[in-house]
């Protein structure tokens, strides 16, 4: 008012009044531009992801919908907004997020309408939900092996040392039908800032957390909204992480582990499609093995399983990967002898470069979900003879059975079904022709399964992935290894696919 201005002027104090300046973020949005056009993409032969969420109502994605389950919840109750968001990212997340470095992977999907809106009072019971998922698995396992589960219970398990009922039951379904669940670790809340929420403790799943993007659109630090590991019973969770702030249908940008999960689901589906004889654990091992972290992190897991130079089913330049599935009897030591060392990794007679070994056992688990959840476990190491003729461990220590149980669980993650060992070599002296892989399965508490000892236990299935990387990424390492192994190996892929990188 005029009177107020007169009072200010009379006070002998002068104020300069200007319009408020706009405030903008200095971070790059994950994507921009018009809604991605799907008309030029044929859905034929694209891999299929089962999306267990709030359903699909967006007409633009209908051509990519391969199958629709009878809905567990009605259209009004279903969280259709979230379902459409997840579907859009599973189908073409790279196109929505063209400012991020992502592989151009399109997928079809199967719609499973089972997740209600937040705050819905009346929802299916856990038993109804799980019975429904079993029916879905029976109907879809012949054409889809990857499930996207971008949902979590609202709170962590009451007992942090026990596997949740939901995590255990989803694992049973996954193992029975040969399915790989991709599960979000959950988002932090006022009441829970860190502990992962079920079913993120599912043993046979890939649990996914979030991470931020650098200014160049590459994976960066952990997302502050993501919950963290570890999981009960000695499991290392999360397994993997990827961008959690993504643009999606409608052009909106949201942040959450629901969204990072979709990127892993699409990549896993294409990995299944590109392998000749895939198993869920072999796909898991390949994804973990090509992630960038040598050591596990409670926030990022083993990192992100993709760079512009690396698809999980393809050996990047300067490396060679051996992948196989074996069945081992408990109580015996197994050896894969005479593993050739690529000449590119022997510099002045010493081992140089990098190697990584990922092995995953399909474990026997207790129905009780307690601290001793796993009844079988794996020890594995890449070994060679040193200059003195004694066996040395190059990757893995094989000490889990020798040190005190408390230390083995804490320091060596003794009962984790995923064994991951990776490190560089700057000049390790080993004898030529002496490299081997050593693996052994151990057991406990077999009485709960009606077994007297490990001799009565069936063979345990284990997926192995072993990668050698030459110093300075010498491209000849692949042909060198294939030439030395000759008829003992074959190409693990059956499709030649060109993958474009979206920026």
Protein backbone atom coordinates (compact mmCIF):
# COMPACT_ATOMS: atom_id res chain seq x y z
CA UNK A 1 0.00 0.00 0.00
CA UNK A 2 0.97 3.61 -0.54
CA UNK A 3 1.10 4.28 3.20
CA UNK A 4 3.70 1.58 3.70
CA UNK A 5 5.90 2.96 0.94
CA UNK A 6 5.69 6.41 2.52
CA UNK A 7 6.79 4.95 5.88
CA UNK A 8 9.77 3.24 4.22
CA UNK A 9 10.78 6.47 2.46
CA UNK A 10 10.48 8.46 5.69
CA UNK A 11 12.77 6.07 7.51
CA UNK A 12 15.75 7.28 5.44
CA UNK A 13 16.43 3.65 4.46
CA UNK A 14 16.33 2.83 0.76
CA UNK A 15 15.19 -0.58 -0.53
CA UNK A 16 15.47 -1.77 -4.10
CA UNK A 17 12.50 -3.97 -5.03
CA UNK A 18 13.06 -6.36 -7.97
CA UNK A 19 11.12 -9.32 -9.38
CA UNK A 20 12.11 -12.74 -7.99
CA UNK A 21 14.60 -14.56 -10.23
CA UNK A 22 13.72 -18.06 -11.39
CA UNK A 23 15.54 -20.96 -9.74
CA UNK A 24 16.56 -23.93 -11.88
CA UNK A 25 18.38 -27.18 -11.25
CA UNK A 26 21.89 -27.44 -12.64
CA UNK A 27 21.55 -31.21 -13.12
CA UNK A 28 20.84 -32.72 -16.51
CA UNK A 29 17.40 -34.34 -16.81
CA UNK A 30 17.56 -38.07 -17.62
CA UNK A 31 15.66 -37.55 -20.85
CA UNK A 32 14.02 -34.91 -22.98
CA UNK A 33 12.02 -34.45 -26.15
CA UNK A 34 8.79 -35.92 -27.45
CA UNK A 35 7.36 -39.23 -26.31
CA UNK A 36 9.38 -42.01 -28.00
CA UNK A 37 7.79 -43.30 -31.17
CA UNK A 38 7.31 -47.08 -31.15
CA UNK A 39 5.76 -47.34 -34.60
CA UNK A 40 9.04 -48.26 -36.31
CA UNK A 41 9.83 -51.08 -33.85
CA UNK A 42 8.51 -54.56 -34.54
CA UNK A 43 7.69 -56.45 -31.34
CA UNK A 44 8.22 -59.79 -33.07
CA UNK A 45 11.00 -61.87 -31.50
CA UNK A 46 11.71 -59.36 -28.72
CA UNK A 47 12.31 -61.03 -25.33
CA UNK A 48 9.44 -60.97 -22.86
CA UNK A 49 9.46 -59.66 -19.28
CA UNK A 50 6.65 -60.58 -16.89
CA UNK A 51 5.67 -57.31 -15.21
CA UNK A 52 3.98 -57.98 -11.87
CA UNK A 53 2.63 -54.55 -11.00
CA UNK A 54 -0.46 -52.37 -11.27
CA UNK A 55 -1.43 -53.37 -14.81
CA UNK A 56 -1.19 -51.74 -18.22
CA UNK A 57 -3.77 -49.31 -19.59
CA UNK A 58 -1.58 -47.16 -21.88
CA UNK A 59 -2.68 -47.83 -25.45
CA UNK A 60 0.74 -46.93 -26.88
CA UNK A 61 2.23 -50.08 -25.34
CA UNK A 62 -0.55 -52.48 -26.27
CA UNK A 63 1.31 -53.81 -29.38
CA UNK A 64 4.14 -54.97 -27.09
CA UNK A 65 1.87 -56.79 -24.65
CA UNK A 66 2.40 -60.48 -25.34
CA UNK A 67 0.11 -61.94 -22.67
CA UNK A 68 -2.30 -60.71 -20.00
CA UNK A 69 -2.97 -62.58 -16.77
CA UNK A 70 -6.47 -62.65 -15.28
CA UNK A 71 -6.21 -59.68 -12.88
CA UNK A 72 -5.85 -60.35 -9.17
CA UNK A 73 -7.31 -56.93 -8.33
CA UNK A 74 -9.85 -54.78 -10.15
CA UNK A 75 -9.03 -51.85 -12.40
CA UNK A 76 -10.12 -49.23 -9.85
CA UNK A 77 -8.00 -50.69 -7.05
CA UNK A 78 -4.94 -51.42 -9.19
CA UNK A 79 -2.04 -48.98 -9.21
CA UNK A 80 -2.34 -48.38 -12.95
CA UNK A 81 -0.14 -45.26 -12.88
CA UNK A 82 2.81 -47.20 -11.47
CA UNK A 83 2.07 -50.16 -13.71
CA UNK A 84 2.20 -48.00 -16.82
CA UNK A 85 5.43 -46.37 -15.64
CA UNK A 86 7.16 -49.70 -15.06
CA UNK A 87 5.88 -51.08 -18.36
CA UNK A 88 7.21 -48.08 -20.28
CA UNK A 89 10.68 -48.48 -18.79
CA UNK A 90 10.82 -52.25 -19.28
CA UNK A 91 9.74 -51.82 -22.89
CA UNK A 92 11.90 -48.86 -23.98
CA UNK A 93 13.55 -47.16 -21.00
CA UNK A 94 16.55 -46.11 -23.10
CA UNK A 95 14.35 -44.04 -25.44
CA UNK A 96 12.68 -42.17 -22.57
CA UNK A 97 16.09 -41.49 -21.03
CA UNK A 98 18.11 -40.27 -23.97
CA UNK A 99 20.50 -38.20 -21.81
CA UNK A 100 21.75 -41.33 -20.05
CA UNK A 101 24.19 -43.86 -21.45
CA UNK A 102 21.99 -46.92 -21.88
CA UNK A 103 21.82 -49.86 -24.29
CA UNK A 104 18.99 -49.70 -26.80
CA UNK A 105 17.04 -52.73 -25.60
CA UNK A 106 13.35 -53.06 -26.38
CA UNK A 107 11.21 -55.74 -24.76
CA UNK A 108 7.75 -57.17 -24.91
CA UNK A 109 5.94 -57.81 -21.67
CA UNK A 110 3.31 -59.92 -19.97
CA UNK A 111 0.93 -57.92 -17.79
CA UNK A 112 0.16 -59.21 -14.31
CA UNK A 113 -2.22 -56.82 -12.52
CA UNK A 114 -1.62 -57.58 -8.86
CA UNK A 115 -0.42 -54.44 -7.05
CA UNK A 116 -2.96 -52.02 -5.52
CA UNK A 117 -2.75 -48.28 -5.05
CA UNK A 118 -0.98 -47.04 -1.94
CA UNK A 119 -3.30 -46.89 1.04
CA UNK A 120 -5.83 -49.39 -0.29
CA UNK A 121 -7.48 -50.94 2.74
CA UNK A 122 -8.70 -54.21 1.27
CA UNK A 123 -6.01 -56.20 -0.51
CA UNK A 124 -5.34 -59.88 -1.25
CA UNK A 125 -3.71 -61.87 1.53
CA UNK A 126 -0.13 -63.04 1.12
CA UNK A 127 -1.33 -66.59 0.49
CA UNK A 128 -3.78 -65.41 -2.19
CA UNK A 129 -1.02 -63.33 -3.78
CA UNK A 130 1.47 -66.19 -3.79
CA UNK A 131 -1.05 -68.71 -5.11
CA UNK A 132 -1.79 -66.27 -7.93
CA UNK A 133 1.93 -65.86 -8.73
CA UNK A 134 2.32 -69.64 -8.91
CA UNK A 135 -0.49 -69.79 -11.47
CA UNK A 136 1.19 -67.01 -13.45
CA UNK A 137 4.51 -68.88 -13.36
CA UNK A 138 2.86 -72.03 -14.63
CA UNK A 139 1.28 -70.10 -17.51
CA UNK A 140 4.31 -68.02 -18.53
CA UNK A 141 7.48 -70.02 -17.79
CA UNK A 142 7.49 -71.53 -21.28
CA UNK A 143 7.96 -68.12 -22.94
CA UNK A 144 9.27 -65.73 -20.25
CA UNK A 145 12.03 -66.31 -17.70
CA UNK A 146 12.47 -62.80 -16.26
CA UNK A 147 10.00 -61.26 -13.83
CA UNK A 148 10.08 -57.57 -12.90
CA UNK A 149 8.95 -57.13 -9.29
CA UNK A 150 9.10 -53.39 -8.58
CA UNK A 151 7.32 -53.56 -5.25
CA UNK A 152 8.21 -54.06 -1.59
CA UNK A 153 6.54 -54.49 1.74
CA UNK A 154 6.23 -51.19 3.57
CA UNK A 155 8.58 -52.23 6.39
CA UNK A 156 11.60 -54.54 6.83
CA UNK A 157 11.22 -57.93 8.46
CA UNK A 158 10.66 -57.81 12.19
CA UNK A 159 13.61 -60.17 12.65
CA UNK A 160 16.49 -58.97 10.52
CA UNK A 161 18.23 -62.35 10.81
CA UNK A 162 15.42 -64.35 9.20
CA UNK A 163 14.38 -64.63 5.57
CA UNK A 164 10.93 -63.12 5.03
CA UNK A 165 7.95 -65.31 4.22
CA UNK A 166 7.40 -63.42 0.96
CA UNK A 167 11.03 -63.64 -0.08
CA UNK A 168 11.17 -67.37 0.66
CA UNK A 169 7.92 -68.19 -1.13
CA UNK A 170 8.79 -66.20 -4.25
CA UNK A 171 12.12 -68.01 -4.27
CA UNK A 172 10.34 -71.37 -4.19
CA UNK A 173 8.25 -70.38 -7.21
CA UNK A 174 11.29 -69.07 -9.06
CA UNK A 175 13.34 -72.20 -8.44
CA UNK A 176 10.49 -74.54 -9.35
CA UNK A 177 9.76 -72.86 -12.69
CA UNK A 178 13.27 -71.73 -13.65
CA UNK A 179 12.47 -68.02 -13.34
CA UNK A 180 14.79 -65.12 -12.56
CA UNK A 181 13.02 -62.46 -10.43
CA UNK A 182 14.43 -58.93 -10.61
CA UNK A 183 13.39 -57.24 -7.36
CA UNK A 184 13.71 -53.67 -6.08
CA UNK A 185 15.49 -53.30 -2.75
CA UNK A 186 12.96 -50.67 -1.57
CA UNK A 187 13.03 -46.94 -0.83
CA UNK A 188 13.86 -45.19 2.42
CA UNK A 189 11.09 -43.70 4.53
CA UNK A 190 10.69 -41.79 7.78
CA UNK A 191 10.45 -45.05 9.70
CA UNK A 192 13.11 -46.99 7.76
CA UNK A 193 16.24 -45.33 6.42
CA UNK A 194 18.37 -48.33 5.57
CA UNK A 195 17.08 -51.91 5.93
CA UNK A 196 15.95 -53.63 2.74
CA UNK A 197 12.29 -54.62 2.53
CA UNK A 198 10.88 -57.99 1.43
CA UNK A 199 10.88 -59.61 -1.04
CA UNK A 200 14.35 -58.10 -1.65
CA UNK A 201 15.79 -60.94 0.46
CA UNK A 202 14.78 -63.54 -2.15
CA UNK A 203 17.75 -65.86 -2.61
CA UNK A 204 17.27 -66.68 -6.30
CA UNK A 205 16.63 -63.09 -7.39
CA UNK A 206 18.73 -60.19 -8.54
CA UNK A 207 18.04 -57.45 -6.00
CA UNK A 208 18.50 -53.96 -7.43
CA UNK A 209 19.32 -50.65 -5.77
CA UNK A 210 19.59 -47.18 -7.30
CA UNK A 211 22.41 -44.86 -8.22
CA UNK A 212 22.75 -41.36 -9.59
CA UNK A 213 24.01 -40.30 -13.00
CA UNK A 214 27.12 -38.24 -13.69
CA UNK A 215 26.93 -35.11 -15.83
CA UNK A 216 28.00 -37.32 -18.75
CA UNK A 217 25.09 -39.70 -18.14
CA UNK A 218 27.16 -42.55 -16.67
CA UNK A 219 26.43 -44.46 -13.44
CA UNK A 220 27.76 -42.60 -10.41
CA UNK A 221 27.13 -42.55 -6.64
CA UNK A 222 24.54 -44.45 -4.62
CA UNK A 223 21.01 -43.02 -4.63
CA UNK A 224 20.16 -41.57 -1.23
CA UNK A 225 16.59 -42.87 -1.53
CA UNK A 226 17.62 -46.52 -1.89
CA UNK A 227 17.59 -48.91 1.02
CA UNK A 228 20.73 -50.93 1.71
CA UNK A 229 21.97 -54.43 2.41
CA UNK A 230 23.02 -56.83 3.64
CA UNK A 231 20.31 -59.49 3.68
CA UNK A 232 19.69 -62.20 6.28
CA UNK A 233 21.45 -65.57 6.42
CA UNK A 234 24.76 -64.20 5.11
CA UNK A 235 23.48 -63.08 1.70
CA UNK A 236 25.07 -60.12 -0.03
CA UNK A 237 22.36 -57.75 -1.19
CA UNK A 238 21.81 -55.73 -3.32
CA UNK A 239 23.29 -57.62 -6.23
CA UNK A 240 23.30 -54.81 -8.79
CA UNK A 241 22.44 -51.12 -9.17
CA UNK A 242 21.54 -48.72 -11.98
CA UNK A 243 19.96 -45.31 -12.54
CA UNK A 244 17.02 -44.69 -10.20
CA UNK A 245 15.97 -41.23 -11.46
CA UNK A 246 14.34 -41.91 -14.81
CA UNK A 247 11.91 -40.32 -17.21
CA UNK A 248 8.93 -42.47 -18.14
CA UNK A 249 5.48 -42.48 -19.73
CA UNK A 250 3.86 -39.06 -19.58
CA UNK A 251 7.29 -37.41 -19.67
CA UNK A 252 7.52 -37.29 -15.87
CA UNK A 253 10.73 -38.00 -13.98
CA UNK A 254 10.56 -40.09 -10.82
CA UNK A 255 13.15 -41.52 -8.46
CA UNK A 256 13.02 -44.92 -6.82
CA UNK A 257 14.39 -48.45 -6.92
CA UNK A 258 11.21 -49.46 -8.75
CA UNK A 259 12.67 -47.77 -11.80
CA UNK A 260 16.28 -48.96 -11.63
CA UNK A 261 14.91 -52.50 -11.42
CA UNK A 262 13.36 -52.21 -14.88
CA UNK A 263 16.72 -51.56 -16.53
CA UNK A 264 18.14 -54.78 -15.10
CA UNK A 265 15.00 -56.70 -16.16
CA UNK A 266 15.37 -55.65 -19.78
CA UNK A 267 19.08 -56.50 -19.82
CA UNK A 268 18.46 -59.88 -18.16
CA UNK A 269 15.74 -60.74 -20.68
CA UNK A 270 18.09 -60.04 -23.58
CA UNK A 271 20.83 -62.04 -21.89
CA UNK A 272 18.50 -65.04 -21.67
CA UNK A 273 17.57 -64.58 -25.33
CA UNK A 274 21.20 -64.48 -26.50
CA UNK A 275 22.46 -67.60 -24.70
CA UNK A 276 22.13 -71.11 -26.08
CA UNK A 277 21.44 -72.90 -22.80
CA UNK A 278 20.66 -70.26 -20.18
CA UNK A 279 19.73 -70.89 -16.59
CA UNK A 280 18.66 -68.19 -14.12
CA UNK A 281 21.89 -68.58 -12.17
CA UNK A 282 24.05 -68.47 -15.30
CA UNK A 283 22.37 -65.20 -16.32
CA UNK A 284 22.83 -63.86 -12.78
CA UNK A 285 26.50 -64.85 -12.81
CA UNK A 286 27.11 -63.18 -16.18
CA UNK A 287 25.47 -59.94 -15.06
CA UNK A 288 27.36 -59.84 -11.77
CA UNK A 289 30.64 -60.86 -13.39
CA UNK A 290 30.61 -57.98 -15.87
CA UNK A 291 29.74 -55.35 -13.25
CA UNK A 292 32.48 -52.89 -12.44
CA UNK A 293 33.05 -53.49 -8.72
CA UNK A 294 35.52 -56.13 -7.50
CA UNK A 295 34.19 -55.85 -3.94
CA UNK A 296 30.58 -55.91 -2.82
CA UNK A 297 28.99 -52.74 -1.45
CA UNK A 298 25.87 -52.60 0.74
CA UNK A 299 24.63 -49.66 -1.34
CA UNK A 300 25.65 -50.51 -4.92
CA UNK A 301 26.10 -54.27 -4.80
CA UNK A 302 28.63 -55.23 -7.48
CA UNK A 303 27.64 -52.20 -9.53
CA UNK A 304 26.10 -51.84 -12.98
CA UNK A 305 26.37 -54.78 -15.41
CA UNK A 306 26.81 -52.74 -18.57
CA UNK A 307 29.08 -50.20 -20.21
CA UNK A 308 29.11 -49.12 -23.86
CA UNK A 309 31.88 -51.71 -24.41
CA UNK A 310 30.25 -54.61 -22.56
CA UNK A 311 27.15 -56.68 -23.14
CA UNK A 312 26.92 -59.57 -20.67
CA UNK A 313 26.80 -62.24 -23.38
CA UNK A 314 29.67 -60.84 -25.46
CA UNK A 315 33.39 -60.81 -24.63
CA UNK A 316 34.56 -57.23 -24.78
CA UNK A 317 37.78 -56.40 -26.58
CA UNK A 318 40.80 -57.54 -24.65
CA UNK A 319 38.97 -60.23 -22.68
CA UNK A 320 37.71 -63.78 -22.91
CA UNK A 321 34.99 -65.37 -20.77
CA UNK A 322 34.30 -69.03 -20.04
CA UNK A 323 30.78 -69.82 -18.78
CA UNK A 324 29.32 -73.20 -17.89
CA UNK A 325 26.93 -75.05 -15.57
CA UNK A 326 27.97 -78.15 -13.63
CA UNK A 327 26.44 -80.48 -11.08
CA UNK A 328 28.64 -81.37 -8.10
CA UNK A 329 28.28 -83.90 -5.32
CA UNK A 330 28.79 -82.58 -1.82
CA UNK A 331 31.91 -83.59 0.06
CA UNK A 332 34.24 -84.00 -2.93
CA UNK A 333 36.77 -81.58 -4.34
CA UNK A 334 36.38 -80.92 -8.06
CA UNK A 335 39.14 -79.65 -10.32
CA UNK A 336 39.09 -78.19 -13.79
CA UNK A 337 42.74 -78.73 -14.68
CA UNK A 338 44.96 -77.39 -17.44
CA UNK A 339 43.18 -74.08 -17.84
CA UNK A 340 45.41 -72.28 -20.32
CA UNK A 341 46.80 -68.89 -19.42
CA UNK A 342 46.44 -66.58 -22.42
CA UNK A 343 49.96 -65.61 -23.57
CA UNK A 344 48.82 -61.97 -23.59
CA UNK A 345 48.63 -62.18 -19.77
CA UNK A 346 52.17 -63.51 -19.31
CA UNK A 347 54.58 -60.58 -19.28
CA UNK A 348 58.22 -61.45 -18.63
CA UNK A 349 57.06 -64.84 -17.42
CA UNK A 350 54.63 -63.41 -14.84
CA UNK A 351 50.84 -63.25 -14.70
CA UNK A 352 49.62 -59.75 -15.55
CA UNK A 353 46.20 -58.30 -16.30
CA UNK A 354 42.95 -59.05 -14.54
CA UNK A 355 40.73 -62.04 -13.80
CA UNK A 356 37.28 -62.43 -12.30
CA UNK A 357 35.38 -65.51 -11.15
CA UNK A 358 31.69 -65.63 -10.29
CA UNK A 359 30.01 -68.86 -9.22
CA UNK A 360 26.45 -69.34 -7.96
CA UNK A 361 25.09 -72.46 -6.32
CA UNK A 362 21.44 -73.41 -6.50
CA UNK A 363 21.32 -74.09 -2.77
CA UNK A 364 19.25 -76.35 -0.64
CA UNK A 365 17.37 -74.04 1.74
CA UNK A 366 15.44 -74.49 4.96
CA UNK A 367 11.71 -73.89 5.03
CA UNK A 368 12.13 -72.12 8.37
CA UNK A 369 13.88 -69.05 6.94
CA UNK A 370 16.19 -68.64 9.94
CA UNK A 371 19.86 -67.79 10.36
CA UNK A 372 20.84 -71.23 9.01
CA UNK A 373 18.69 -70.77 5.90
CA UNK A 374 21.23 -72.30 3.54
CA UNK A 375 21.94 -76.01 3.95
CA UNK A 376 24.48 -76.19 1.12
CA UNK A 377 27.24 -73.79 0.19
CA UNK A 378 30.09 -73.46 -2.28
CA UNK A 379 33.81 -72.77 -2.02
CA UNK A 380 35.66 -71.96 -5.19
CA UNK A 381 39.08 -70.66 -6.20
CA UNK A 382 41.24 -70.17 -9.26
CA UNK A 383 44.59 -71.74 -8.46
CA UNK A 384 48.06 -72.34 -9.92
CA UNK A 385 51.45 -73.64 -8.87
CA UNK A 386 53.90 -71.10 -7.56
CA UNK A 387 57.64 -71.14 -8.35
CA UNK A 388 58.19 -73.60 -5.50
CA UNK A 389 55.60 -76.03 -6.84
CA UNK A 390 53.02 -75.36 -4.14
CA UNK A 391 49.43 -74.51 -5.02
CA UNK A 392 48.54 -70.82 -4.58
CA UNK A 393 45.11 -69.23 -4.75
CA UNK A 394 44.86 -66.55 -7.42
CA UNK A 395 41.15 -65.80 -6.89
CA UNK A 396 39.35 -66.93 -3.75
CA UNK A 397 40.97 -68.18 -0.58
CA UNK A 398 39.28 -71.55 0.09
CA UNK A 399 39.54 -70.58 3.78
CA UNK A 400 35.82 -70.59 4.59
CA UNK A 401 35.97 -74.10 6.04
CA UNK A 402 39.17 -73.49 7.99
CA UNK A 403 38.66 -70.28 9.98
CA UNK A 404 36.29 -69.84 12.90
CA UNK A 405 32.63 -69.87 11.92
CA UNK A 406 31.99 -66.36 13.25
CA UNK A 407 34.90 -64.93 11.26
CA UNK A 408 34.04 -66.96 8.17
CA UNK A 409 30.50 -65.60 8.16
CA UNK A 410 31.54 -62.02 8.81
CA UNK A 411 34.71 -61.70 6.74
CA UNK A 412 34.21 -64.29 3.99
CA UNK A 413 30.39 -64.34 3.67
CA UNK A 414 30.71 -68.08 4.08
CA UNK A 415 27.07 -68.97 3.44
CA UNK A 416 26.37 -66.57 0.61
CA UNK A 417 25.30 -68.62 -2.45
CA UNK A 418 27.11 -66.14 -4.72
CA UNK A 419 30.89 -66.44 -4.76
CA UNK A 420 32.55 -63.49 -6.48
CA UNK A 421 36.32 -63.08 -6.68
CA UNK A 422 38.07 -60.53 -8.88
CA UNK A 423 41.36 -58.63 -8.89
CA UNK A 424 44.18 -57.34 -11.09
CA UNK A 425 47.61 -58.97 -11.34
CA UNK A 426 50.73 -56.88 -11.73
CA UNK A 427 53.26 -59.68 -12.03
CA UNK A 428 52.44 -62.93 -10.21
CA UNK A 429 54.90 -65.78 -10.61
CA UNK A 430 53.21 -69.05 -11.55
CA UNK A 431 54.26 -72.19 -13.34
CA UNK A 432 53.14 -72.49 -16.95
CA UNK A 433 50.34 -75.01 -17.52
CA UNK A 434 49.40 -75.26 -13.85
CA UNK A 435 46.24 -73.14 -13.66
CA UNK A 436 43.08 -74.87 -12.42
CA UNK A 437 39.69 -74.19 -10.89
CA UNK A 438 38.88 -75.83 -7.56
CA UNK A 439 35.31 -76.12 -6.24
CA UNK A 440 33.67 -77.97 -3.38
CA UNK A 441 30.15 -78.14 -1.96
CA UNK A 442 29.62 -78.27 1.81
CA UNK A 443 26.46 -79.13 3.77
CA UNK A 444 24.83 -78.76 7.18
CA UNK A 445 21.58 -79.62 8.98
CA UNK A 446 20.56 -82.26 6.43
CA UNK A 447 18.38 -84.02 9.00
CA UNK A 448 15.64 -81.46 8.39
CA UNK A 449 15.27 -82.90 4.88
CA UNK A 450 15.21 -86.50 6.08
CA UNK A 451 18.83 -87.11 5.06
CA UNK A 452 21.47 -88.73 7.23
CA UNK A 453 24.58 -87.33 5.52
CA UNK A 454 25.79 -85.62 2.36
CA UNK A 455 26.11 -88.90 0.45
CA UNK A 456 22.31 -88.98 0.16
CA UNK A 457 22.13 -85.46 -1.24
CA UNK A 458 21.52 -85.03 -4.99
CA UNK A 459 24.11 -83.23 -7.05
CA UNK A 460 24.09 -79.47 -6.61
CA UNK A 461 23.76 -77.24 -9.69
CA UNK A 462 26.37 -74.48 -9.99
CA UNK A 463 26.88 -71.79 -12.63
CA UNK A 464 30.46 -70.64 -13.29
CA UNK A 465 31.72 -67.56 -15.13
CA UNK A 466 35.46 -66.99 -15.46
CA UNK A 467 36.91 -63.96 -17.28
CA UNK A 468 40.49 -63.14 -18.23
CA UNK A 469 41.40 -59.60 -19.25
CA UNK A 470 44.70 -58.84 -20.95
CA UNK A 471 46.88 -55.88 -19.95
CA UNK A 472 46.21 -52.94 -22.23
CA UNK A 473 43.18 -54.89 -23.52
CA UNK A 474 45.15 -56.81 -26.15
CA UNK A 475 42.45 -57.96 -28.62
CA UNK A 476 44.19 -61.23 -29.50
CA UNK A 477 43.38 -62.80 -26.09
CA UNK A 478 40.05 -64.20 -27.29
CA UNK A 479 41.50 -66.12 -30.23
CA UNK A 480 44.44 -67.24 -28.12
CA UNK A 481 42.19 -68.84 -25.52
CA UNK A 482 39.82 -70.39 -28.07
CA UNK A 483 42.78 -71.80 -29.96
CA UNK A 484 44.24 -73.41 -26.85
CA UNK A 485 40.93 -74.94 -25.74
CA UNK A 486 39.96 -76.03 -29.29
CA UNK A 487 37.16 -78.60 -29.12
CA UNK A 488 36.60 -78.26 -25.37
CA UNK A 489 34.53 -75.08 -25.75
CA UNK A 490 31.82 -73.69 -28.00
CA UNK A 491 30.29 -70.27 -28.54
CA UNK A 492 27.69 -69.68 -25.82
CA UNK A 493 25.55 -67.34 -27.90
CA UNK A 494 23.28 -68.07 -30.83
CA UNK A 495 22.31 -64.58 -31.96
CA UNK A 496 24.39 -61.87 -33.55
CA UNK A 497 22.81 -58.64 -32.33
CA UNK A 498 24.08 -55.12 -32.91
CA UNK A 499 23.39 -52.96 -29.86
CA UNK A 500 23.33 -49.21 -30.19
CA UNK A 501 24.23 -46.89 -27.33
CA UNK A 502 21.76 -44.14 -26.44
CA UNK A 503 23.15 -40.88 -25.03
